[in-house]
Amino acid sequence: MDDFTVPLNLEPLQQNGFSDRRLWIGNLDLRVNEYQLLKMVRVYGNIEKFDMLFHRSGPNAGQPRGFAFVTYKLRKDAITAMNSLSGQLLGSKRICVKFAKTTTDDQDKPKPELGIPALAEL
């Protein structure tokens, strides 16, 4: 019998461009804050990363964008959270929970410069 090495893929599993542990949580009531949402999602398992997005500029600067991302350490926890949370009423809206699309470094959009004169000298 020949000896051979099987390479192990230690990257998170991805199927059709979707992460298997990272969830997108959308249709959030704009009155929901980070603490409330984090408290709601953490009951389903250990969280590796949590991001709630906010407008960076314009008339809504600093206001929530209405969606967030949560990455669980285990795939089974992400699946349980998705199945339990999707369609639940949070504030005045029913939230939508799906697996998040993955991006590669090639697909990442360049970040726009904020152009803040006070920070230009730093």
PDB file of N, CA and C in Angstrom:
ATOM      1  N   MET A   1       0.843  -1.165   0.000  1.00  0.00           N
ATOM      2  CA  MET A   1       0.000   0.000   0.000  1.00  0.00           C
ATOM      3  C   MET A   1       0.897   1.239   0.000  1.00  0.00           C
ATOM      4  N   ASP A   2       0.572   2.202  -0.848  1.00  0.00           N
ATOM      5  CA  ASP A   2       1.350   3.435  -0.921  1.00  0.00           C
ATOM      6  C   ASP A   2       0.910   4.406   0.163  1.00  0.00           C
ATOM      7  N   ASP A   3       1.897   5.115   0.715  1.00  0.00           N
ATOM      8  CA  ASP A   3       1.570   6.174   1.673  1.00  0.00           C
ATOM      9  C   ASP A   3       1.264   7.445   0.898  1.00  0.00           C
ATOM     10  N   PHE A   4       0.233   8.130   1.300  1.00  0.00           N
ATOM     11  CA  PHE A   4      -0.073   9.413   0.674  1.00  0.00           C
ATOM     12  C   PHE A   4      -0.677  10.339   1.729  1.00  0.00           C
ATOM     13  N   THR A   5      -0.579  11.617   1.464  1.00  0.00           N
ATOM     14  CA  THR A   5      -1.073  12.616   2.389  1.00  0.00           C
ATOM     15  C   THR A   5      -2.342  13.234   1.832  1.00  0.00           C
ATOM     16  N   VAL A   6      -3.330  13.327   2.673  1.00  0.00           N
ATOM     17  CA  VAL A   6      -4.569  13.987   2.286  1.00  0.00           C
ATOM     18  C   VAL A   6      -4.557  15.374   2.916  1.00  0.00           C
ATOM     19  N   PRO A   7      -4.575  16.425   2.080  1.00  0.00           N
ATOM     20  CA  PRO A   7      -4.558  17.775   2.664  1.00  0.00           C
ATOM     21  C   PRO A   7      -5.871  18.058   3.395  1.00  0.00           C
ATOM     22  N   LEU A   8      -5.749  18.724   4.527  1.00  0.00           N
ATOM     23  CA  LEU A   8      -6.925  19.089   5.305  1.00  0.00           C
ATOM     24  C   LEU A   8      -7.283  20.541   5.008  1.00  0.00           C
ATOM     25  N   ASN A   9      -8.530  20.770   4.680  1.00  0.00           N
ATOM     26  CA  ASN A   9      -8.999  22.125   4.449  1.00  0.00           C
ATOM     27  C   ASN A   9      -9.473  22.676   5.786  1.00  0.00           C
ATOM     28  N   LEU A  10      -8.695  23.599   6.357  1.00  0.00           N
ATOM     29  CA  LEU A  10      -9.044  24.144   7.658  1.00  0.00           C
ATOM     30  C   LEU A  10      -9.846  25.436   7.551  1.00  0.00           C
ATOM     31  N   GLU A  11     -10.139  25.853   6.326  1.00  0.00           N
ATOM     32  CA  GLU A  11     -10.974  27.038   6.124  1.00  0.00           C
ATOM     33  C   GLU A  11     -12.415  26.672   6.460  1.00  0.00           C
ATOM     34  N   PRO A  12     -13.243  27.673   6.844  1.00  0.00           N
ATOM     35  CA  PRO A  12     -14.659  27.371   7.084  1.00  0.00           C
ATOM     36  C   PRO A  12     -15.293  26.799   5.828  1.00  0.00           C
ATOM     37  N   LEU A  13     -16.190  25.854   6.029  1.00  0.00           N
ATOM     38  CA  LEU A  13     -16.881  25.270   4.892  1.00  0.00           C
ATOM     39  C   LEU A  13     -17.710  26.324   4.192  1.00  0.00           C
ATOM     40  N   GLN A  14     -17.717  26.256   2.856  1.00  0.00           N
ATOM     41  CA  GLN A  14     -18.519  27.187   2.089  1.00  0.00           C
ATOM     42  C   GLN A  14     -19.259  26.411   1.030  1.00  0.00           C
ATOM     43  N   GLN A  15     -20.492  26.762   0.823  1.00  0.00           N
ATOM     44  CA  GLN A  15     -21.286  26.104  -0.200  1.00  0.00           C
ATOM     45  C   GLN A  15     -21.917  27.184  -1.063  1.00  0.00           C
ATOM     46  N   ASN A  16     -21.643  27.137  -2.361  1.00  0.00           N
ATOM     47  CA  ASN A  16     -22.236  28.077  -3.303  1.00  0.00           C
ATOM     48  C   ASN A  16     -22.023  29.525  -2.889  1.00  0.00           C
ATOM     49  N   GLY A  17     -20.858  29.857  -2.361  1.00  0.00           N
ATOM     50  CA  GLY A  17     -20.562  31.230  -1.987  1.00  0.00           C
ATOM     51  C   GLY A  17     -21.155  31.668  -0.659  1.00  0.00           C
ATOM     52  N   PHE A  18     -21.650  30.730   0.153  1.00  0.00           N
ATOM     53  CA  PHE A  18     -22.218  31.074   1.446  1.00  0.00           C
ATOM     54  C   PHE A  18     -21.383  30.438   2.549  1.00  0.00           C
ATOM     55  N   SER A  19     -21.205  31.164   3.645  1.00  0.00           N
ATOM     56  CA  SER A  19     -20.475  30.652   4.789  1.00  0.00           C
ATOM     57  C   SER A  19     -21.364  29.693   5.565  1.00  0.00           C
ATOM     58  N   ASP A  20     -20.770  28.736   6.243  1.00  0.00           N
ATOM     59  CA  ASP A  20     -21.585  27.776   6.986  1.00  0.00           C
ATOM     60  C   ASP A  20     -21.734  28.140   8.461  1.00  0.00           C
ATOM     61  N   ARG A  21     -21.052  29.200   8.922  1.00  0.00           N
ATOM     62  CA  ARG A  21     -21.153  29.601  10.328  1.00  0.00           C
ATOM     63  C   ARG A  21     -21.535  31.067  10.492  1.00  0.00           C
ATOM     64  N   ARG A  22     -21.529  31.812   9.411  1.00  0.00           N
ATOM     65  CA  ARG A  22     -21.793  33.256   9.453  1.00  0.00           C
ATOM     66  C   ARG A  22     -23.217  33.531   8.958  1.00  0.00           C
ATOM     67  N   LEU A  23     -23.977  34.225   9.791  1.00  0.00           N
ATOM     68  CA  LEU A  23     -25.363  34.527   9.461  1.00  0.00           C
ATOM     69  C   LEU A  23     -25.549  36.012   9.179  1.00  0.00           C
ATOM     70  N   TRP A  24     -26.431  36.294   8.234  1.00  0.00           N
ATOM     71  CA  TRP A  24     -26.875  37.652   7.951  1.00  0.00           C
ATOM     72  C   TRP A  24     -28.241  37.799   8.607  1.00  0.00           C
ATOM     73  N   ILE A  25     -28.407  38.837   9.403  1.00  0.00           N
ATOM     74  CA  ILE A  25     -29.679  39.091  10.072  1.00  0.00           C
ATOM     75  C   ILE A  25     -30.197  40.414   9.535  1.00  0.00           C
ATOM     76  N   GLY A  26     -31.300  40.355   8.799  1.00  0.00           N
ATOM     77  CA  GLY A  26     -31.827  41.545   8.155  1.00  0.00           C
ATOM     78  C   GLY A  26     -33.235  41.886   8.576  1.00  0.00           C
ATOM     79  N   ASN A  27     -33.720  43.000   8.021  1.00  0.00           N
ATOM     80  CA  ASN A  27     -35.041  43.550   8.315  1.00  0.00           C
ATOM     81  C   ASN A  27     -35.152  43.916   9.794  1.00  0.00           C
ATOM     82  N   LEU A  28     -34.048  44.463  10.331  1.00  0.00           N
ATOM     83  CA  LEU A  28     -34.043  44.847  11.742  1.00  0.00           C
ATOM     84  C   LEU A  28     -34.778  46.161  11.947  1.00  0.00           C
ATOM     85  N   ASP A  29     -35.575  46.215  12.985  1.00  0.00           N
ATOM     86  CA  ASP A  29     -36.208  47.456  13.404  1.00  0.00           C
ATOM     87  C   ASP A  29     -35.076  48.417  13.772  1.00  0.00           C
ATOM     88  N   LEU A  30     -35.126  49.634  13.291  1.00  0.00           N
ATOM     89  CA  LEU A  30     -34.027  50.581  13.505  1.00  0.00           C
ATOM     90  C   LEU A  30     -33.881  51.005  14.964  1.00  0.00           C
ATOM     91  N   ARG A  31     -34.846  50.667  15.796  1.00  0.00           N
ATOM     92  CA  ARG A  31     -34.758  50.976  17.234  1.00  0.00           C
ATOM     93  C   ARG A  31     -33.977  49.912  18.000  1.00  0.00           C
ATOM     94  N   VAL A  32     -33.698  48.761  17.374  1.00  0.00           N
ATOM     95  CA  VAL A  32     -32.954  47.677  18.032  1.00  0.00           C
ATOM     96  C   VAL A  32     -31.481  48.070  18.102  1.00  0.00           C
ATOM     97  N   ASN A  33     -30.893  47.945  19.283  1.00  0.00           N
ATOM     98  CA  ASN A  33     -29.470  48.285  19.416  1.00  0.00           C
ATOM     99  C   ASN A  33     -28.601  47.021  19.448  1.00  0.00           C
ATOM    100  N   GLU A  34     -27.291  47.227  19.416  1.00  0.00           N
ATOM    101  CA  GLU A  34     -26.339  46.105  19.375  1.00  0.00           C
ATOM    102  C   GLU A  34     -26.491  45.187  20.575  1.00  0.00           C
ATOM    103  N   TYR A  35     -26.648  45.773  21.750  1.00  0.00           N
ATOM    104  CA  TYR A  35     -26.754  44.975  22.962  1.00  0.00           C
ATOM    105  C   TYR A  35     -27.969  44.052  22.910  1.00  0.00           C
ATOM    106  N   GLN A  36     -29.104  44.581  22.480  1.00  0.00           N
ATOM    107  CA  GLN A  36     -30.334  43.776  22.416  1.00  0.00           C
ATOM    108  C   GLN A  36     -30.174  42.616  21.439  1.00  0.00           C
ATOM    109  N   LEU A  37     -29.586  42.907  20.268  1.00  0.00           N
ATOM    110  CA  LEU A  37     -29.429  41.858  19.265  1.00  0.00           C
ATOM    111  C   LEU A  37     -28.406  40.817  19.715  1.00  0.00           C
ATOM    112  N   LEU A  38     -27.300  41.265  20.265  1.00  0.00           N
ATOM    113  CA  LEU A  38     -26.283  40.328  20.745  1.00  0.00           C
ATOM    114  C   LEU A  38     -26.840  39.433  21.844  1.00  0.00           C
ATOM    115  N   LYS A  39     -27.613  40.000  22.738  1.00  0.00           N
ATOM    116  CA  LYS A  39     -28.239  39.223  23.817  1.00  0.00           C
ATOM    117  C   LYS A  39     -29.158  38.144  23.237  1.00  0.00           C
ATOM    118  N   MET A  40     -29.829  38.478  22.137  1.00  0.00           N
ATOM    119  CA  MET A  40     -30.765  37.544  21.505  1.00  0.00           C
ATOM    120  C   MET A  40     -30.042  36.392  20.790  1.00  0.00           C
ATOM    121  N   VAL A  41     -28.922  36.670  20.126  1.00  0.00           N
ATOM    122  CA  VAL A  41     -28.253  35.636  19.327  1.00  0.00           C
ATOM    123  C   VAL A  41     -27.290  34.770  20.132  1.00  0.00           C
ATOM    124  N   ARG A  42     -26.816  35.277  21.252  1.00  0.00           N
ATOM    125  CA  ARG A  42     -25.803  34.510  21.996  1.00  0.00           C
ATOM    126  C   ARG A  42     -26.352  33.276  22.689  1.00  0.00           C
ATOM    127  N   VAL A  43     -27.663  33.186  22.865  1.00  0.00           N
ATOM    128  CA  VAL A  43     -28.241  32.019  23.538  1.00  0.00           C
ATOM    129  C   VAL A  43     -28.119  30.748  22.689  1.00  0.00           C
ATOM    130  N   TYR A  44     -27.798  30.894  21.407  1.00  0.00           N
ATOM    131  CA  TYR A  44     -27.724  29.729  20.516  1.00  0.00           C
ATOM    132  C   TYR A  44     -26.327  29.127  20.414  1.00  0.00           C
ATOM    133  N   GLY A  45     -25.325  29.756  21.010  1.00  0.00           N
ATOM    134  CA  GLY A  45     -23.986  29.186  20.985  1.00  0.00           C
ATOM    135  C   GLY A  45     -22.916  30.242  21.144  1.00  0.00           C
ATOM    136  N   ASN A  46     -21.663  29.780  21.147  1.00  0.00           N
ATOM    137  CA  ASN A  46     -20.522  30.684  21.276  1.00  0.00           C
ATOM    138  C   ASN A  46     -20.337  31.485  19.997  1.00  0.00           C
ATOM    139  N   ILE A  47     -20.195  32.786  20.163  1.00  0.00           N
ATOM    140  CA  ILE A  47     -20.060  33.680  19.019  1.00  0.00           C
ATOM    141  C   ILE A  47     -18.598  34.035  18.810  1.00  0.00           C
ATOM    142  N   GLU A  48     -18.170  33.907  17.575  1.00  0.00           N
ATOM    143  CA  GLU A  48     -16.795  34.235  17.199  1.00  0.00           C
ATOM    144  C   GLU A  48     -16.680  35.710  16.811  1.00  0.00           C
ATOM    145  N   LYS A  49     -17.702  36.228  16.133  1.00  0.00           N
ATOM    146  CA  LYS A  49     -17.658  37.610  15.662  1.00  0.00           C
ATOM    147  C   LYS A  49     -19.077  38.139  15.521  1.00  0.00           C
ATOM    148  N   PHE A  50     -19.254  39.429  15.851  1.00  0.00           N
ATOM    149  CA  PHE A  50     -20.564  40.069  15.751  1.00  0.00           C
ATOM    150  C   PHE A  50     -20.374  41.456  15.169  1.00  0.00           C
ATOM    151  N   ASP A  51     -21.119  41.785  14.112  1.00  0.00           N
ATOM    152  CA  ASP A  51     -21.028  43.093  13.473  1.00  0.00           C
ATOM    153  C   ASP A  51     -22.418  43.622  13.169  1.00  0.00           C
ATOM    154  N   MET A  52     -22.748  44.764  13.748  1.00  0.00           N
ATOM    155  CA  MET A  52     -23.975  45.459  13.390  1.00  0.00           C
ATOM    156  C   MET A  52     -23.534  46.672  12.586  1.00  0.00           C
ATOM    157  N   LEU A  53     -24.129  46.862  11.415  1.00  0.00           N
ATOM    158  CA  LEU A  53     -23.656  47.920  10.532  1.00  0.00           C
ATOM    159  C   LEU A  53     -24.442  49.211  10.686  1.00  0.00           C
ATOM    160  N   PHE A  54     -23.699  50.318  10.551  1.00  0.00           N
ATOM    161  CA  PHE A  54     -24.252  51.655  10.690  1.00  0.00           C
ATOM    162  C   PHE A  54     -23.886  52.490   9.473  1.00  0.00           C
ATOM    163  N   HIS A  55     -24.706  53.474   9.148  1.00  0.00           N
ATOM    164  CA  HIS A  55     -24.390  54.403   8.059  1.00  0.00           C
ATOM    165  C   HIS A  55     -23.159  55.205   8.450  1.00  0.00           C
ATOM    166  N   ARG A  56     -22.222  55.362   7.500  1.00  0.00           N
ATOM    167  CA  ARG A  56     -20.983  56.083   7.776  1.00  0.00           C
ATOM    168  C   ARG A  56     -21.062  57.554   7.417  1.00  0.00           C
ATOM    169  N   SER A  57     -21.955  57.903   6.502  1.00  0.00           N
ATOM    170  CA  SER A  57     -22.043  59.293   6.079  1.00  0.00           C
ATOM    171  C   SER A  57     -23.472  59.603   5.641  1.00  0.00           C
ATOM    172  N   GLY A  58     -23.690  60.849   5.270  1.00  0.00           N
ATOM    173  CA  GLY A  58     -25.005  61.256   4.803  1.00  0.00           C
ATOM    174  C   GLY A  58     -25.926  61.631   5.937  1.00  0.00           C
ATOM    175  N   PRO A  59     -27.187  61.848   5.607  1.00  0.00           N
ATOM    176  CA  PRO A  59     -28.138  62.292   6.632  1.00  0.00           C
ATOM    177  C   PRO A  59     -28.411  61.248   7.711  1.00  0.00           C
ATOM    178  N   ASN A  60     -28.137  59.983   7.426  1.00  0.00           N
ATOM    179  CA  ASN A  60     -28.367  58.912   8.399  1.00  0.00           C
ATOM    180  C   ASN A  60     -27.088  58.460   9.109  1.00  0.00           C
ATOM    181  N   ALA A  61     -26.020  59.252   9.021  1.00  0.00           N
ATOM    182  CA  ALA A  61     -24.743  58.874   9.631  1.00  0.00           C
ATOM    183  C   ALA A  61     -24.936  58.516  11.100  1.00  0.00           C
ATOM    184  N   GLY A  62     -24.396  57.364  11.486  1.00  0.00           N
ATOM    185  CA  GLY A  62     -24.497  56.899  12.862  1.00  0.00           C
ATOM    186  C   GLY A  62     -25.740  56.078  13.153  1.00  0.00           C
ATOM    187  N   GLN A  63     -26.675  56.044  12.220  1.00  0.00           N
ATOM    188  CA  GLN A  63     -27.901  55.278  12.407  1.00  0.00           C
ATOM    189  C   GLN A  63     -27.700  53.844  11.901  1.00  0.00           C
ATOM    190  N   PRO A  64     -28.406  52.872  12.474  1.00  0.00           N
ATOM    191  CA  PRO A  64     -28.274  51.482  12.005  1.00  0.00           C
ATOM    192  C   PRO A  64     -28.726  51.333  10.555  1.00  0.00           C
ATOM    193  N   ARG A  65     -28.092  50.396   9.849  1.00  0.00           N
ATOM    194  CA  ARG A  65     -28.449  50.133   8.456  1.00  0.00           C
ATOM    195  C   ARG A  65     -29.548  49.081   8.335  1.00  0.00           C
ATOM    196  N   GLY A  66     -29.907  48.448   9.440  1.00  0.00           N
ATOM    197  CA  GLY A  66     -31.006  47.488   9.411  1.00  0.00           C
ATOM    198  C   GLY A  66     -30.578  46.048   9.237  1.00  0.00           C
ATOM    199  N   PHE A  67     -29.269  45.784   9.335  1.00  0.00           N
ATOM    200  CA  PHE A  67     -28.820  44.398   9.278  1.00  0.00           C
ATOM    201  C   PHE A  67     -27.536  44.226  10.067  1.00  0.00           C
ATOM    202  N   ALA A  68     -27.226  42.961  10.356  1.00  0.00           N
ATOM    203  CA  ALA A  68     -26.038  42.616  11.141  1.00  0.00           C
ATOM    204  C   ALA A  68     -25.523  41.262  10.695  1.00  0.00           C
ATOM    205  N   PHE A  69     -24.315  40.945  11.110  1.00  0.00           N
ATOM    206  CA  PHE A  69     -23.700  39.646  10.839  1.00  0.00           C
ATOM    207  C   PHE A  69     -23.264  39.035  12.155  1.00  0.00           C
ATOM    208  N   VAL A  70     -23.462  37.732  12.290  1.00  0.00           N
ATOM    209  CA  VAL A  70     -22.980  37.014  13.469  1.00  0.00           C
ATOM    210  C   VAL A  70     -22.332  35.720  12.992  1.00  0.00           C
ATOM    211  N   THR A  71     -21.134  35.456  13.506  1.00  0.00           N
ATOM    212  CA  THR A  71     -20.414  34.227  13.165  1.00  0.00           C
ATOM    213  C   THR A  71     -20.314  33.375  14.421  1.00  0.00           C
ATOM    214  N   TYR A  72     -20.841  32.172  14.327  1.00  0.00           N
ATOM    215  CA  TYR A  72     -20.773  31.233  15.449  1.00  0.00           C
ATOM    216  C   TYR A  72     -19.524  30.373  15.318  1.00  0.00           C
ATOM    217  N   LYS A  73     -19.037  29.866  16.433  1.00  0.00           N
ATOM    218  CA  LYS A  73     -17.867  28.978  16.405  1.00  0.00           C
ATOM    219  C   LYS A  73     -18.212  27.632  15.790  1.00  0.00           C
ATOM    220  N   LEU A  74     -19.458  27.185  15.950  1.00  0.00           N
ATOM    221  CA  LEU A  74     -19.870  25.879  15.435  1.00  0.00           C
ATOM    222  C   LEU A  74     -20.995  26.021  14.417  1.00  0.00           C
ATOM    223  N   ARG A  75     -20.922  25.216  13.382  1.00  0.00           N
ATOM    224  CA  ARG A  75     -21.937  25.224  12.324  1.00  0.00           C
ATOM    225  C   ARG A  75     -23.322  24.892  12.871  1.00  0.00           C
ATOM    226  N   LYS A  76     -23.393  23.919  13.763  1.00  0.00           N
ATOM    227  CA  LYS A  76     -24.688  23.497  14.301  1.00  0.00           C
ATOM    228  C   LYS A  76     -25.364  24.627  15.067  1.00  0.00           C
ATOM    229  N   ASP A  77     -24.584  25.468  15.729  1.00  0.00           N
ATOM    230  CA  ASP A  77     -25.150  26.606  16.456  1.00  0.00           C
ATOM    231  C   ASP A  77     -25.722  27.637  15.481  1.00  0.00           C
ATOM    232  N   ALA A  78     -25.024  27.851  14.370  1.00  0.00           N
ATOM    233  CA  ALA A  78     -25.505  28.789  13.353  1.00  0.00           C
ATOM    234  C   ALA A  78     -26.825  28.299  12.752  1.00  0.00           C
ATOM    235  N   ILE A  79     -26.901  27.007  12.494  1.00  0.00           N
ATOM    236  CA  ILE A  79     -28.119  26.431  11.914  1.00  0.00           C
ATOM    237  C   ILE A  79     -29.283  26.546  12.910  1.00  0.00           C
ATOM    238  N   THR A  80     -29.017  26.235  14.174  1.00  0.00           N
ATOM    239  CA  THR A  80     -30.056  26.342  15.206  1.00  0.00           C
ATOM    240  C   THR A  80     -30.544  27.783  15.324  1.00  0.00           C
ATOM    241  N   ALA A  81     -29.614  28.729  15.342  1.00  0.00           N
ATOM    242  CA  ALA A  81     -29.984  30.141  15.451  1.00  0.00           C
ATOM    243  C   ALA A  81     -30.807  30.578  14.248  1.00  0.00           C
ATOM    244  N   MET A  82     -30.378  30.191  13.059  1.00  0.00           N
ATOM    245  CA  MET A  82     -31.093  30.575  11.844  1.00  0.00           C
ATOM    246  C   MET A  82     -32.523  30.034  11.870  1.00  0.00           C
ATOM    247  N   ASN A  83     -32.669  28.774  12.197  1.00  0.00           N
ATOM    248  CA  ASN A  83     -33.993  28.151  12.218  1.00  0.00           C
ATOM    249  C   ASN A  83     -34.890  28.740  13.307  1.00  0.00           C
ATOM    250  N   SER A  84     -34.307  29.112  14.432  1.00  0.00           N
ATOM    251  CA  SER A  84     -35.093  29.641  15.547  1.00  0.00           C
ATOM    252  C   SER A  84     -35.456  31.110  15.376  1.00  0.00           C
ATOM    253  N   LEU A  85     -34.539  31.892  14.828  1.00  0.00           N
ATOM    254  CA  LEU A  85     -34.735  33.338  14.785  1.00  0.00           C
ATOM    255  C   LEU A  85     -35.466  33.845  13.548  1.00  0.00           C
ATOM    256  N   SER A  86     -35.314  33.158  12.430  1.00  0.00           N
ATOM    257  CA  SER A  86     -35.909  33.654  11.184  1.00  0.00           C
ATOM    258  C   SER A  86     -37.427  33.756  11.320  1.00  0.00           C
ATOM    259  N   GLY A  87     -37.944  34.930  11.041  1.00  0.00           N
ATOM    260  CA  GLY A  87     -39.378  35.169  11.120  1.00  0.00           C
ATOM    261  C   GLY A  87     -39.869  35.656  12.470  1.00  0.00           C
ATOM    262  N   GLN A  88     -38.972  35.709  13.472  1.00  0.00           N
ATOM    263  CA  GLN A  88     -39.381  36.189  14.791  1.00  0.00           C
ATOM    264  C   GLN A  88     -39.631  37.689  14.756  1.00  0.00           C
ATOM    265  N   LEU A  89     -40.578  38.126  15.538  1.00  0.00           N
ATOM    266  CA  LEU A  89     -40.886  39.545  15.663  1.00  0.00           C
ATOM    267  C   LEU A  89     -39.879  40.180  16.615  1.00  0.00           C
ATOM    268  N   LEU A  90     -39.181  41.198  16.131  1.00  0.00           N
ATOM    269  CA  LEU A  90     -38.212  41.934  16.953  1.00  0.00           C
ATOM    270  C   LEU A  90     -38.533  43.406  16.768  1.00  0.00           C
ATOM    271  N   GLY A  91     -39.031  44.035  17.808  1.00  0.00           N
ATOM    272  CA  GLY A  91     -39.548  45.391  17.663  1.00  0.00           C
ATOM    273  C   GLY A  91     -40.842  45.309  16.872  1.00  0.00           C
ATOM    274  N   SER A  92     -40.900  46.050  15.766  1.00  0.00           N
ATOM    275  CA  SER A  92     -42.119  46.035  14.947  1.00  0.00           C
ATOM    276  C   SER A  92     -41.934  45.275  13.639  1.00  0.00           C
ATOM    277  N   LYS A  93     -40.803  44.565  13.496  1.00  0.00           N
ATOM    278  CA  LYS A  93     -40.524  43.855  12.233  1.00  0.00           C
ATOM    279  C   LYS A  93     -40.189  42.389  12.477  1.00  0.00           C
ATOM    280  N   ARG A  94     -40.476  41.578  11.469  1.00  0.00           N
ATOM    281  CA  ARG A  94     -40.069  40.166  11.496  1.00  0.00           C
ATOM    282  C   ARG A  94     -38.687  40.073  10.870  1.00  0.00           C
ATOM    283  N   ILE A  95     -37.738  39.559  11.636  1.00  0.00           N
ATOM    284  CA  ILE A  95     -36.366  39.509  11.129  1.00  0.00           C
ATOM    285  C   ILE A  95     -36.188  38.362  10.144  1.00  0.00           C
ATOM    286  N   CYS A  96     -35.222  38.533   9.278  1.00  0.00           N
ATOM    287  CA  CYS A  96     -34.867  37.538   8.275  1.00  0.00           C
ATOM    288  C   CYS A  96     -33.448  37.073   8.589  1.00  0.00           C
ATOM    289  N   VAL A  97     -33.235  35.778   8.688  1.00  0.00           N
ATOM    290  CA  VAL A  97     -31.911  35.240   9.008  1.00  0.00           C
ATOM    291  C   VAL A  97     -31.533  34.222   7.948  1.00  0.00           C
ATOM    292  N   LYS A  98     -30.370  34.440   7.328  1.00  0.00           N
ATOM    293  CA  LYS A  98     -29.865  33.552   6.270  1.00  0.00           C
ATOM    294  C   LYS A  98     -28.365  33.371   6.443  1.00  0.00           C
ATOM    295  N   PHE A  99     -27.818  32.361   5.770  1.00  0.00           N
ATOM    296  CA  PHE A  99     -26.370  32.250   5.729  1.00  0.00           C
ATOM    297  C   PHE A  99     -25.838  33.437   4.954  1.00  0.00           C
ATOM    298  N   ALA A 100     -24.740  34.018   5.425  1.00  0.00           N
ATOM    299  CA  ALA A 100     -24.150  35.192   4.786  1.00  0.00           C
ATOM    300  C   ALA A 100     -23.346  34.778   3.564  1.00  0.00           C
ATOM    301  N   LYS A 101     -23.363  35.623   2.553  1.00  0.00           N
ATOM    302  CA  LYS A 101     -22.526  35.394   1.376  1.00  0.00           C
ATOM    303  C   LYS A 101     -21.082  35.636   1.759  1.00  0.00           C
ATOM    304  N   THR A 102     -20.201  34.878   1.158  1.00  0.00           N
ATOM    305  CA  THR A 102     -18.775  35.052   1.436  1.00  0.00           C
ATOM    306  C   THR A 102     -18.164  35.953   0.374  1.00  0.00           C
ATOM    307  N   THR A 103     -17.127  36.647   0.773  1.00  0.00           N
ATOM    308  CA  THR A 103     -16.375  37.470  -0.178  1.00  0.00           C
ATOM    309  C   THR A 103     -14.921  37.062  -0.087  1.00  0.00           C
ATOM    310  N   THR A 104     -14.237  37.198  -1.195  1.00  0.00           N
ATOM    311  CA  THR A 104     -12.804  36.962  -1.188  1.00  0.00           C
ATOM    312  C   THR A 104     -12.123  38.314  -1.231  1.00  0.00           C
ATOM    313  N   ASP A 105     -10.831  38.336  -1.015  1.00  0.00           N
ATOM    314  CA  ASP A 105     -10.097  39.596  -1.050  1.00  0.00           C
ATOM    315  C   ASP A 105     -10.219  40.271  -2.405  1.00  0.00           C
ATOM    316  N   ASP A 106     -10.357  39.478  -3.474  1.00  0.00           N
ATOM    317  CA  ASP A 106     -10.487  40.034  -4.817  1.00  0.00           C
ATOM    318  C   ASP A 106     -11.810  40.775  -4.979  1.00  0.00           C
ATOM    319  N   GLN A 107     -12.844  40.328  -4.283  1.00  0.00           N
ATOM    320  CA  GLN A 107     -14.170  40.905  -4.446  1.00  0.00           C
ATOM    321  C   GLN A 107     -14.437  42.072  -3.506  1.00  0.00           C
ATOM    322  N   ASP A 108     -13.597  42.242  -2.484  1.00  0.00           N
ATOM    323  CA  ASP A 108     -13.842  43.315  -1.530  1.00  0.00           C
ATOM    324  C   ASP A 108     -13.783  44.664  -2.223  1.00  0.00           C
ATOM    325  N   LYS A 109     -14.772  45.489  -1.929  1.00  0.00           N
ATOM    326  CA  LYS A 109     -14.818  46.819  -2.499  1.00  0.00           C
ATOM    327  C   LYS A 109     -13.818  47.709  -1.758  1.00  0.00           C
ATOM    328  N   PRO A 110     -13.185  48.629  -2.467  1.00  0.00           N
ATOM    329  CA  PRO A 110     -12.301  49.551  -1.753  1.00  0.00           C
ATOM    330  C   PRO A 110     -13.143  50.454  -0.849  1.00  0.00           C
ATOM    331  N   LYS A 111     -12.618  50.728   0.317  1.00  0.00           N
ATOM    332  CA  LYS A 111     -13.332  51.569   1.261  1.00  0.00           C
ATOM    333  C   LYS A 111     -13.212  53.025   0.824  1.00  0.00           C
ATOM    334  N   PRO A 112     -14.334  53.749   0.811  1.00  0.00           N
ATOM    335  CA  PRO A 112     -14.255  55.150   0.408  1.00  0.00           C
ATOM    336  C   PRO A 112     -13.532  55.957   1.489  1.00  0.00           C
ATOM    337  N   GLU A 113     -12.799  56.967   1.050  1.00  0.00           N
ATOM    338  CA  GLU A 113     -12.134  57.838   2.001  1.00  0.00           C
ATOM    339  C   GLU A 113     -13.168  58.734   2.642  1.00  0.00           C
ATOM    340  N   LEU A 114     -13.029  58.942   3.941  1.00  0.00           N
ATOM    341  CA  LEU A 114     -14.003  59.744   4.641  1.00  0.00           C
ATOM    342  C   LEU A 114     -13.790  61.234   4.397  1.00  0.00           C
ATOM    343  N   GLY A 115     -12.567  61.640   4.104  1.00  0.00           N
ATOM    344  CA  GLY A 115     -12.290  63.032   3.813  1.00  0.00           C
ATOM    345  C   GLY A 115     -12.600  63.965   4.972  1.00  0.00           C
ATOM    346  N   ILE A 116     -12.150  63.623   6.151  1.00  0.00           N
ATOM    347  CA  ILE A 116     -12.376  64.465   7.310  1.00  0.00           C
ATOM    348  C   ILE A 116     -11.149  65.364   7.469  1.00  0.00           C
ATOM    349  N   PRO A 117     -11.287  66.673   7.220  1.00  0.00           N
ATOM    350  CA  PRO A 117     -10.129  67.581   7.240  1.00  0.00           C
ATOM    351  C   PRO A 117      -9.364  67.532   8.566  1.00  0.00           C
ATOM    352  N   ALA A 118     -10.040  67.390   9.690  1.00  0.00           N
ATOM    353  CA  ALA A 118      -9.356  67.393  10.984  1.00  0.00           C
ATOM    354  C   ALA A 118      -8.422  66.188  11.126  1.00  0.00           C
ATOM    355  N   LEU A 119      -8.713  65.098  10.413  1.00  0.00           N
ATOM    356  CA  LEU A 119      -7.886  63.905  10.521  1.00  0.00           C
ATOM    357  C   LEU A 119      -6.822  63.824   9.430  1.00  0.00           C
ATOM    358  N   ALA A 120      -6.855  64.743   8.471  1.00  0.00           N
ATOM    359  CA  ALA A 120      -5.936  64.683   7.340  1.00  0.00           C
ATOM    360  C   ALA A 120      -4.483  64.882   7.762  1.00  0.00           C
ATOM    361  N   GLU A 121      -4.241  65.575   8.845  1.00  0.00           N
ATOM    362  CA  GLU A 121      -2.874  65.856   9.285  1.00  0.00           C
ATOM    363  C   GLU A 121      -2.272  64.723  10.107  1.00  0.00           C
ATOM    364  N   LEU A 122      -3.052  63.735  10.478  1.00  0.00           N
ATOM    365  CA  LEU A 122      -2.541  62.633  11.316  1.00  0.00           C
ATOM    366  C   LEU A 122      -1.722  61.667  10.518  1.00  0.00           C
TER     367      LEU A 122
END
